[in-house]
């Protein structure tokens, strides 16, 4: 794994460098926002993981996240935020981060989060060339108006591709679409889509649903419905009437 840790506290970076080395990861470090964007843009497609502190000199973490997302819609991003900065956590998730870890954090916790997110992100890599032709017509989830292919990590609504889905957004959409009109609580989605407990942190689901809906609406009518007081469901049954 090639990882970029964007963190202005060199003590934290030095501590994590030891853990990354133990995992045999290719870790690189940036200490301010401008340096981070420059490093990332040197070889956009080479990065497997980003950890991003929000409080950075030069360019703050929100701006860095936006720049990274413009260059790569799918590279996994884990934010590092202060424990009491709920608004930053929500905003960061809405701006494209896949996960967050609150400071102060245990190195073991961060390593576990990175591994979990990386497992998901690995699935987003394109299928081998010899499988590509077969994969295009092999949809794992298919309704009257929606198709999803886990091999190519592509989803289509009314024949139009839903573009730039992050690994978590794709997994969230797949989980909902596999059981049309079934209502999932936020707690259920946290367990099914994320590989670890969020201890009731429901705003993670809400933030990802918001971003997912924005991308769906670029392709067609909204198919992720809110069931007030319960959670969310996938329902494309009303598209004929629109």
C-alpha atoms as a PDB file:
ATOM      1  CA  UNK A   1       0.000   0.000   0.000  1.00  0.00           C
ATOM      2  CA  UNK A   2       1.262   3.455  -0.914  1.00  0.00           C
ATOM      3  CA  UNK A   3      -0.026   5.882   1.694  1.00  0.00           C
ATOM      4  CA  UNK A   4       0.180   9.653   2.066  1.00  0.00           C
ATOM      5  CA  UNK A   5      -0.190  10.969   5.617  1.00  0.00           C
ATOM      6  CA  UNK A   6      -0.926  14.694   5.683  1.00  0.00           C
ATOM      7  CA  UNK A   7      -0.178  15.822   9.234  1.00  0.00           C
ATOM      8  CA  UNK A   8       1.547  18.957  10.506  1.00  0.00           C
ATOM      9  CA  UNK A   9       2.472  17.398  13.870  1.00  0.00           C
ATOM     10  CA  UNK A  10       5.803  15.730  13.173  1.00  0.00           C
ATOM     11  CA  UNK A  11       5.683  13.760  16.427  1.00  0.00           C
ATOM     12  CA  UNK A  12       2.455  12.092  15.281  1.00  0.00           C
ATOM     13  CA  UNK A  13       3.957  11.441  11.848  1.00  0.00           C
ATOM     14  CA  UNK A  14       7.113   9.929  13.325  1.00  0.00           C
ATOM     15  CA  UNK A  15       5.075   7.690  15.621  1.00  0.00           C
ATOM     16  CA  UNK A  16       2.857   6.480  12.769  1.00  0.00           C
ATOM     17  CA  UNK A  17       5.896   5.956  10.524  1.00  0.00           C
ATOM     18  CA  UNK A  18       6.993   3.154  12.845  1.00  0.00           C
ATOM     19  CA  UNK A  19       3.604   1.457  12.625  1.00  0.00           C
ATOM     20  CA  UNK A  20       3.451   1.873   8.845  1.00  0.00           C
ATOM     21  CA  UNK A  21       6.912   0.346   8.537  1.00  0.00           C
ATOM     22  CA  UNK A  22       5.796  -2.635  10.599  1.00  0.00           C
ATOM     23  CA  UNK A  23       2.932  -3.134   8.144  1.00  0.00           C
ATOM     24  CA  UNK A  24       5.454  -2.825   5.278  1.00  0.00           C
ATOM     25  CA  UNK A  25       3.519   0.049   3.745  1.00  0.00           C
ATOM     26  CA  UNK A  26       5.134   2.646   1.496  1.00  0.00           C
ATOM     27  CA  UNK A  27       4.345   5.706   3.619  1.00  0.00           C
ATOM     28  CA  UNK A  28       4.979   9.316   2.612  1.00  0.00           C
ATOM     29  CA  UNK A  29       4.420  12.420   4.705  1.00  0.00           C
ATOM     30  CA  UNK A  30       3.326  15.999   3.996  1.00  0.00           C
ATOM     31  CA  UNK A  31       3.353  18.670   6.682  1.00  0.00           C
ATOM     32  CA  UNK A  32       1.247  21.448   5.151  1.00  0.00           C
ATOM     33  CA  UNK A  33      -1.678  21.615   2.752  1.00  0.00           C
ATOM     34  CA  UNK A  34       0.123  23.004  -0.271  1.00  0.00           C
ATOM     35  CA  UNK A  35       2.907  20.425  -0.003  1.00  0.00           C
ATOM     36  CA  UNK A  36       0.293  17.682   0.285  1.00  0.00           C
ATOM     37  CA  UNK A  37      -1.546  18.689  -2.888  1.00  0.00           C
ATOM     38  CA  UNK A  38       1.726  18.962  -4.805  1.00  0.00           C
ATOM     39  CA  UNK A  39       2.857  15.509  -3.629  1.00  0.00           C
ATOM     40  CA  UNK A  40      -0.473  13.938  -4.487  1.00  0.00           C
ATOM     41  CA  UNK A  41      -0.589  15.493  -7.947  1.00  0.00           C
ATOM     42  CA  UNK A  42       2.888  14.245  -8.835  1.00  0.00           C
ATOM     43  CA  UNK A  43       1.400  10.794  -9.465  1.00  0.00           C
ATOM     44  CA  UNK A  44      -2.333  10.794  -8.784  1.00  0.00           C
ATOM     45  CA  UNK A  45      -2.985   7.169  -9.683  1.00  0.00           C
ATOM     46  CA  UNK A  46      -0.214   5.747  -7.521  1.00  0.00           C
ATOM     47  CA  UNK A  47      -1.796   6.488  -4.127  1.00  0.00           C
ATOM     48  CA  UNK A  48      -3.779   3.791  -2.300  1.00  0.00           C
ATOM     49  CA  UNK A  49      -4.706   5.727   0.835  1.00  0.00           C
ATOM     50  CA  UNK A  50      -4.754   9.279   2.247  1.00  0.00           C
ATOM     51  CA  UNK A  51      -4.911  10.241   5.915  1.00  0.00           C
ATOM     52  CA  UNK A  52      -5.717  13.918   6.282  1.00  0.00           C
ATOM     53  CA  UNK A  53      -5.518  16.213   9.297  1.00  0.00           C
ATOM     54  CA  UNK A  54      -7.985  19.087   9.007  1.00  0.00           C
ATOM     55  CA  UNK A  55      -5.876  21.677  10.838  1.00  0.00           C
ATOM     56  CA  UNK A  56      -3.019  22.346   8.447  1.00  0.00           C
ATOM     57  CA  UNK A  57      -0.828  25.353   7.650  1.00  0.00           C
ATOM     58  CA  UNK A  58      -0.752  26.724   4.119  1.00  0.00           C
ATOM     59  CA  UNK A  59      -4.052  25.204   3.025  1.00  0.00           C
ATOM     60  CA  UNK A  60      -6.578  23.704   5.429  1.00  0.00           C
ATOM     61  CA  UNK A  61      -7.703  20.099   5.283  1.00  0.00           C
ATOM     62  CA  UNK A  62     -11.086  20.873   3.722  1.00  0.00           C
ATOM     63  CA  UNK A  63      -9.422  22.609   0.780  1.00  0.00           C
ATOM     64  CA  UNK A  64      -6.885  19.798   0.447  1.00  0.00           C
ATOM     65  CA  UNK A  65      -9.691  17.236   0.412  1.00  0.00           C
ATOM     66  CA  UNK A  66     -11.494  19.174  -2.311  1.00  0.00           C
ATOM     67  CA  UNK A  67      -8.325  19.361  -4.434  1.00  0.00           C
ATOM     68  CA  UNK A  68      -7.658  15.634  -4.020  1.00  0.00           C
ATOM     69  CA  UNK A  69     -11.231  14.756  -4.921  1.00  0.00           C
ATOM     70  CA  UNK A  70     -11.010  16.857  -8.097  1.00  0.00           C
ATOM     71  CA  UNK A  71      -7.937  14.876  -9.147  1.00  0.00           C
ATOM     72  CA  UNK A  72      -9.197  11.482  -7.954  1.00  0.00           C
ATOM     73  CA  UNK A  73     -12.870  10.820  -7.174  1.00  0.00           C
ATOM     74  CA  UNK A  74     -12.116   7.408  -5.666  1.00  0.00           C
ATOM     75  CA  UNK A  75      -8.868   7.459  -3.663  1.00  0.00           C
ATOM     76  CA  UNK A  76      -9.773   6.556  -0.045  1.00  0.00           C
ATOM     77  CA  UNK A  77      -9.469   9.454   2.427  1.00  0.00           C
ATOM     78  CA  UNK A  78      -9.491   9.156   6.221  1.00  0.00           C
ATOM     79  CA  UNK A  79      -9.816  12.467   8.075  1.00  0.00           C
ATOM     80  CA  UNK A  80      -8.205  13.123  11.429  1.00  0.00           C
ATOM     81  CA  UNK A  81     -10.331  15.509  13.477  1.00  0.00           C
ATOM     82  CA  UNK A  82     -10.568  16.877  17.012  1.00  0.00           C
ATOM     83  CA  UNK A  83     -12.956  14.944  19.226  1.00  0.00           C
ATOM     84  CA  UNK A  84     -15.312  17.903  19.696  1.00  0.00           C
ATOM     85  CA  UNK A  85     -15.432  19.113  16.083  1.00  0.00           C
ATOM     86  CA  UNK A  86     -18.702  17.497  15.008  1.00  0.00           C
ATOM     87  CA  UNK A  87     -19.377  20.126  12.346  1.00  0.00           C
ATOM     88  CA  UNK A  88     -15.943  19.522  10.791  1.00  0.00           C
ATOM     89  CA  UNK A  89     -16.565  15.778  10.745  1.00  0.00           C
ATOM     90  CA  UNK A  90     -19.879  16.158   8.938  1.00  0.00           C
ATOM     91  CA  UNK A  91     -18.514  18.722   6.485  1.00  0.00           C
ATOM     92  CA  UNK A  92     -15.464  16.600   5.785  1.00  0.00           C
ATOM     93  CA  UNK A  93     -17.592  13.544   5.027  1.00  0.00           C
ATOM     94  CA  UNK A  94     -19.828  15.609   2.775  1.00  0.00           C
ATOM     95  CA  UNK A  95     -16.770  16.901   0.908  1.00  0.00           C
ATOM     96  CA  UNK A  96     -15.629  13.410   0.023  1.00  0.00           C
ATOM     97  CA  UNK A  97     -13.815  11.784   2.947  1.00  0.00           C
ATOM     98  CA  UNK A  98     -14.641   8.107   3.398  1.00  0.00           C
ATOM     99  CA  UNK A  99     -14.042   7.888   7.119  1.00  0.00           C
ATOM    100  CA  UNK A 100     -12.700   9.834  10.075  1.00  0.00           C
ATOM    101  CA  UNK A 101     -10.719   9.144  13.225  1.00  0.00           C
ATOM    102  CA  UNK A 102     -10.883  11.493  16.187  1.00  0.00           C
ATOM    103  CA  UNK A 103      -7.811  12.854  17.951  1.00  0.00           C
ATOM    104  CA  UNK A 104      -6.189  11.821  20.131  1.00  0.00           C
ATOM    105  CA  UNK A 105      -6.247   8.393  18.507  1.00  0.00           C
ATOM    106  CA  UNK A 106      -4.647   5.030  19.111  1.00  0.00           C
ATOM    107  CA  UNK A 107      -2.214   4.032  16.342  1.00  0.00           C
ATOM    108  CA  UNK A 108      -3.774   0.577  16.408  1.00  0.00           C
ATOM    109  CA  UNK A 109      -7.195   2.121  15.761  1.00  0.00           C
ATOM    110  CA  UNK A 110      -5.934   4.126  12.793  1.00  0.00           C
ATOM    111  CA  UNK A 111      -4.185   1.074  11.343  1.00  0.00           C
ATOM    112  CA  UNK A 112      -7.408  -0.935  11.673  1.00  0.00           C
ATOM    113  CA  UNK A 113      -9.427   1.797   9.946  1.00  0.00           C
ATOM    114  CA  UNK A 114      -6.888   2.004   7.114  1.00  0.00           C
ATOM    115  CA  UNK A 115      -6.965  -1.761   6.603  1.00  0.00           C
ATOM    116  CA  UNK A 116     -10.759  -1.871   6.601  1.00  0.00           C
ATOM    117  CA  UNK A 117     -11.073   0.961   4.096  1.00  0.00           C
ATOM    118  CA  UNK A 118      -8.316  -0.489   1.929  1.00  0.00           C
ATOM    119  CA  UNK A 119     -10.101  -3.846   1.748  1.00  0.00           C
ATOM    120  CA  UNK A 120     -13.161  -2.068   0.405  1.00  0.00           C
ATOM    121  CA  UNK A 121     -11.190   0.111  -1.971  1.00  0.00           C
ATOM    122  CA  UNK A 122      -9.366  -2.889  -3.425  1.00  0.00           C
ATOM    123  CA  UNK A 123     -12.668  -4.077  -4.859  1.00  0.00           C
ATOM    124  CA  UNK A 124     -12.958  -0.872  -6.889  1.00  0.00           C
ATOM    125  CA  UNK A 125      -9.965  -1.705  -9.059  1.00  0.00           C
ATOM    126  CA  UNK A 126     -10.859  -2.606 -12.607  1.00  0.00           C
ATOM    127  CA  UNK A 127     -11.376  -6.262 -13.465  1.00  0.00           C
ATOM    128  CA  UNK A 128      -8.527  -7.966 -15.350  1.00  0.00           C
ATOM    129  CA  UNK A 129      -8.553  -7.209 -19.064  1.00  0.00           C
ATOM    130  CA  UNK A 130      -9.477 -10.776 -19.978  1.00  0.00           C
ATOM    131  CA  UNK A 131     -12.639 -10.468 -17.849  1.00  0.00           C
ATOM    132  CA  UNK A 132     -13.650  -6.999 -19.003  1.00  0.00           C
ATOM    133  CA  UNK A 133     -15.835  -7.998 -21.963  1.00  0.00           C
ATOM    134  CA  UNK A 134     -17.787 -10.540 -19.959  1.00  0.00           C
ATOM    135  CA  UNK A 135     -18.076  -8.232 -16.948  1.00  0.00           C
ATOM    136  CA  UNK A 136     -19.850  -5.468 -18.866  1.00  0.00           C
ATOM    137  CA  UNK A 137     -22.934  -7.636 -19.340  1.00  0.00           C
ATOM    138  CA  UNK A 138     -22.707  -9.370 -15.978  1.00  0.00           C
ATOM    139  CA  UNK A 139     -24.758  -7.294 -13.550  1.00  0.00           C
ATOM    140  CA  UNK A 140     -24.955  -8.461  -9.953  1.00  0.00           C
ATOM    141  CA  UNK A 141     -27.912  -6.233  -9.092  1.00  0.00           C
ATOM    142  CA  UNK A 142     -30.570  -5.485 -11.682  1.00  0.00           C
ATOM    143  CA  UNK A 143     -34.052  -3.949 -11.413  1.00  0.00           C
ATOM    144  CA  UNK A 144     -36.327  -2.413 -14.038  1.00  0.00           C
ATOM    145  CA  UNK A 145     -34.341   0.825 -14.085  1.00  0.00           C
ATOM    146  CA  UNK A 146     -31.062   0.122 -12.258  1.00  0.00           C
ATOM    147  CA  UNK A 147     -28.037  -2.084 -12.901  1.00  0.00           C
ATOM    148  CA  UNK A 148     -24.888  -2.589 -10.812  1.00  0.00           C
ATOM    149  CA  UNK A 149     -21.715  -4.518 -11.618  1.00  0.00           C
ATOM    150  CA  UNK A 150     -19.356  -5.306  -8.734  1.00  0.00           C
ATOM    151  CA  UNK A 151     -16.530  -6.421 -11.057  1.00  0.00           C
ATOM    152  CA  UNK A 152     -16.312  -3.118 -12.887  1.00  0.00           C
ATOM    153  CA  UNK A 153     -17.659  -1.116  -9.914  1.00  0.00           C
ATOM    154  CA  UNK A 154     -20.172   0.580 -12.192  1.00  0.00           C
ATOM    155  CA  UNK A 155     -23.812   1.495 -11.578  1.00  0.00           C
ATOM    156  CA  UNK A 156     -26.385   2.636 -14.131  1.00  0.00           C
ATOM    157  CA  UNK A 157     -29.736   4.341 -13.665  1.00  0.00           C
ATOM    158  CA  UNK A 158     -32.102   4.286 -16.670  1.00  0.00           C
ATOM    159  CA  UNK A 159     -29.115   3.470 -18.869  1.00  0.00           C
ATOM    160  CA  UNK A 160     -26.947   6.351 -17.637  1.00  0.00           C
ATOM    161  CA  UNK A 161     -23.881   5.703 -15.491  1.00  0.00           C
ATOM    162  CA  UNK A 162     -23.760   7.087 -11.964  1.00  0.00           C
ATOM    163  CA  UNK A 163     -20.277   8.535 -12.069  1.00  0.00           C
ATOM    164  CA  UNK A 164     -17.418   9.133  -9.627  1.00  0.00           C
ATOM    165  CA  UNK A 165     -18.672   6.876  -6.831  1.00  0.00           C
ATOM    166  CA  UNK A 166     -16.202   6.467  -3.987  1.00  0.00           C
ATOM    167  CA  UNK A 167     -15.703   2.930  -2.616  1.00  0.00           C
ATOM    168  CA  UNK A 168     -17.991   3.614   0.337  1.00  0.00           C
ATOM    169  CA  UNK A 169     -20.686   5.224  -1.835  1.00  0.00           C
ATOM    170  CA  UNK A 170     -20.650   2.234  -4.185  1.00  0.00           C
ATOM    171  CA  UNK A 171     -20.917  -0.239  -1.301  1.00  0.00           C
ATOM    172  CA  UNK A 172     -23.717   1.777   0.272  1.00  0.00           C
ATOM    173  CA  UNK A 173     -25.654   1.866  -3.003  1.00  0.00           C
ATOM    174  CA  UNK A 174     -25.117  -1.857  -3.550  1.00  0.00           C
ATOM    175  CA  UNK A 175     -26.292  -2.722  -0.031  1.00  0.00           C
ATOM    176  CA  UNK A 176     -29.518  -0.770  -0.468  1.00  0.00           C
ATOM    177  CA  UNK A 177     -30.168  -1.883  -4.069  1.00  0.00           C
ATOM    178  CA  UNK A 178     -29.735  -5.589  -3.306  1.00  0.00           C
ATOM    179  CA  UNK A 179     -32.992  -5.454  -1.356  1.00  0.00           C
ATOM    180  CA  UNK A 180     -35.305  -2.950  -3.075  1.00  0.00           C
ATOM    181  CA  UNK A 181     -37.863  -1.251  -0.830  1.00  0.00           C
ATOM    182  CA  UNK A 182     -36.404  -2.844   2.315  1.00  0.00           C
ATOM    183  CA  UNK A 183     -35.801  -0.194   4.952  1.00  0.00           C
ATOM    184  CA  UNK A 184     -32.341  -0.194   6.531  1.00  0.00           C
ATOM    185  CA  UNK A 185     -31.699   1.602   9.783  1.00  0.00           C
ATOM    186  CA  UNK A 186     -28.557   3.690  10.086  1.00  0.00           C
ATOM    187  CA  UNK A 187     -27.175   1.161  12.561  1.00  0.00           C
ATOM    188  CA  UNK A 188     -27.691  -1.666  10.069  1.00  0.00           C
ATOM    189  CA  UNK A 189     -25.938   0.281   7.320  1.00  0.00           C
ATOM    190  CA  UNK A 190     -22.998   1.021   9.616  1.00  0.00           C
ATOM    191  CA  UNK A 191     -22.594  -2.694  10.268  1.00  0.00           C
ATOM    192  CA  UNK A 192     -23.056  -3.784   6.655  1.00  0.00           C
ATOM    193  CA  UNK A 193     -21.069  -1.126   4.796  1.00  0.00           C
ATOM    194  CA  UNK A 194     -18.340  -0.342   7.332  1.00  0.00           C
ATOM    195  CA  UNK A 195     -16.165  -3.127   8.698  1.00  0.00           C
ATOM    196  CA  UNK A 196     -16.114  -1.913  12.289  1.00  0.00           C
ATOM    197  CA  UNK A 197     -18.342  -0.341  14.898  1.00  0.00           C
ATOM    198  CA  UNK A 198     -19.100   3.378  14.791  1.00  0.00           C
ATOM    199  CA  UNK A 199     -20.771   3.321  18.196  1.00  0.00           C
ATOM    200  CA  UNK A 200     -23.981   4.966  17.042  1.00  0.00           C
ATOM    201  CA  UNK A 201     -22.303   7.624  14.923  1.00  0.00           C
ATOM    202  CA  UNK A 202     -25.214   7.974  12.511  1.00  0.00           C
ATOM    203  CA  UNK A 203     -24.057  11.192  10.869  1.00  0.00           C
ATOM    204  CA  UNK A 204     -21.519   9.113   8.943  1.00  0.00           C
ATOM    205  CA  UNK A 205     -24.369   7.389   7.110  1.00  0.00           C
ATOM    206  CA  UNK A 206     -26.289  10.626   6.582  1.00  0.00           C
ATOM    207  CA  UNK A 207     -23.266  12.386   5.082  1.00  0.00           C
ATOM    208  CA  UNK A 208     -22.578   9.540   2.655  1.00  0.00           C
ATOM    209  CA  UNK A 209     -26.250   9.315   1.672  1.00  0.00           C
ATOM    210  CA  UNK A 210     -26.227  13.040   0.893  1.00  0.00           C
ATOM    211  CA  UNK A 211     -23.214  12.723  -1.417  1.00  0.00           C
ATOM    212  CA  UNK A 212     -24.594   9.564  -3.010  1.00  0.00           C
ATOM    213  CA  UNK A 213     -27.894  11.281  -3.756  1.00  0.00           C
ATOM    214  CA  UNK A 214     -26.118  14.191  -5.415  1.00  0.00           C
ATOM    215  CA  UNK A 215     -24.358  11.797  -7.790  1.00  0.00           C
ATOM    216  CA  UNK A 216     -27.519   9.797  -8.474  1.00  0.00           C
ATOM    217  CA  UNK A 217     -29.407  12.974  -9.399  1.00  0.00           C
ATOM    218  CA  UNK A 218     -26.873  13.685 -12.147  1.00  0.00           C
ATOM    219  CA  UNK A 219     -27.924  10.402 -13.788  1.00  0.00           C
ATOM    220  CA  UNK A 220     -31.676  10.448 -13.195  1.00  0.00           C
ATOM    221  CA  UNK A 221     -34.505  10.514 -10.630  1.00  0.00           C
ATOM    222  CA  UNK A 222     -33.750   9.947  -6.964  1.00  0.00           C
ATOM    223  CA  UNK A 223     -33.870   6.273  -5.936  1.00  0.00           C
ATOM    224  CA  UNK A 224     -32.641   6.546  -2.331  1.00  0.00           C
ATOM    225  CA  UNK A 225     -35.611   7.368  -0.130  1.00  0.00           C
ATOM    226  CA  UNK A 226     -35.716   8.492   3.499  1.00  0.00           C
ATOM    227  CA  UNK A 227     -38.079   6.645   5.821  1.00  0.00           C
ATOM    228  CA  UNK A 228     -38.476   9.164   8.590  1.00  0.00           C
ATOM    229  CA  UNK A 229     -37.622   7.898  12.031  1.00  0.00           C
ATOM    230  CA  UNK A 230     -36.235   4.623  10.656  1.00  0.00           C
ATOM    231  CA  UNK A 231     -33.585   4.950   7.945  1.00  0.00           C
ATOM    232  CA  UNK A 232     -33.231   4.615   4.173  1.00  0.00           C
ATOM    233  CA  UNK A 233     -34.383   2.407   1.314  1.00  0.00           C
ATOM    234  CA  UNK A 234     -33.756   1.889  -2.401  1.00  0.00           C
ATOM    235  CA  UNK A 235     -36.888   2.245  -4.528  1.00  0.00           C
ATOM    236  CA  UNK A 236     -36.983   2.781  -8.285  1.00  0.00           C
ATOM    237  CA  UNK A 237     -40.545   1.506  -8.724  1.00  0.00           C
ATOM    238  CA  UNK A 238     -41.938   4.977  -9.372  1.00  0.00           C
ATOM    239  CA  UNK A 239     -39.604   5.911 -12.212  1.00  0.00           C
ATOM    240  CA  UNK A 240     -42.126   5.005 -14.937  1.00  0.00           C
ATOM    241  CA  UNK A 241     -44.444   7.672 -13.642  1.00  0.00           C
ATOM    242  CA  UNK A 242     -41.832  10.445 -13.768  1.00  0.00           C
END
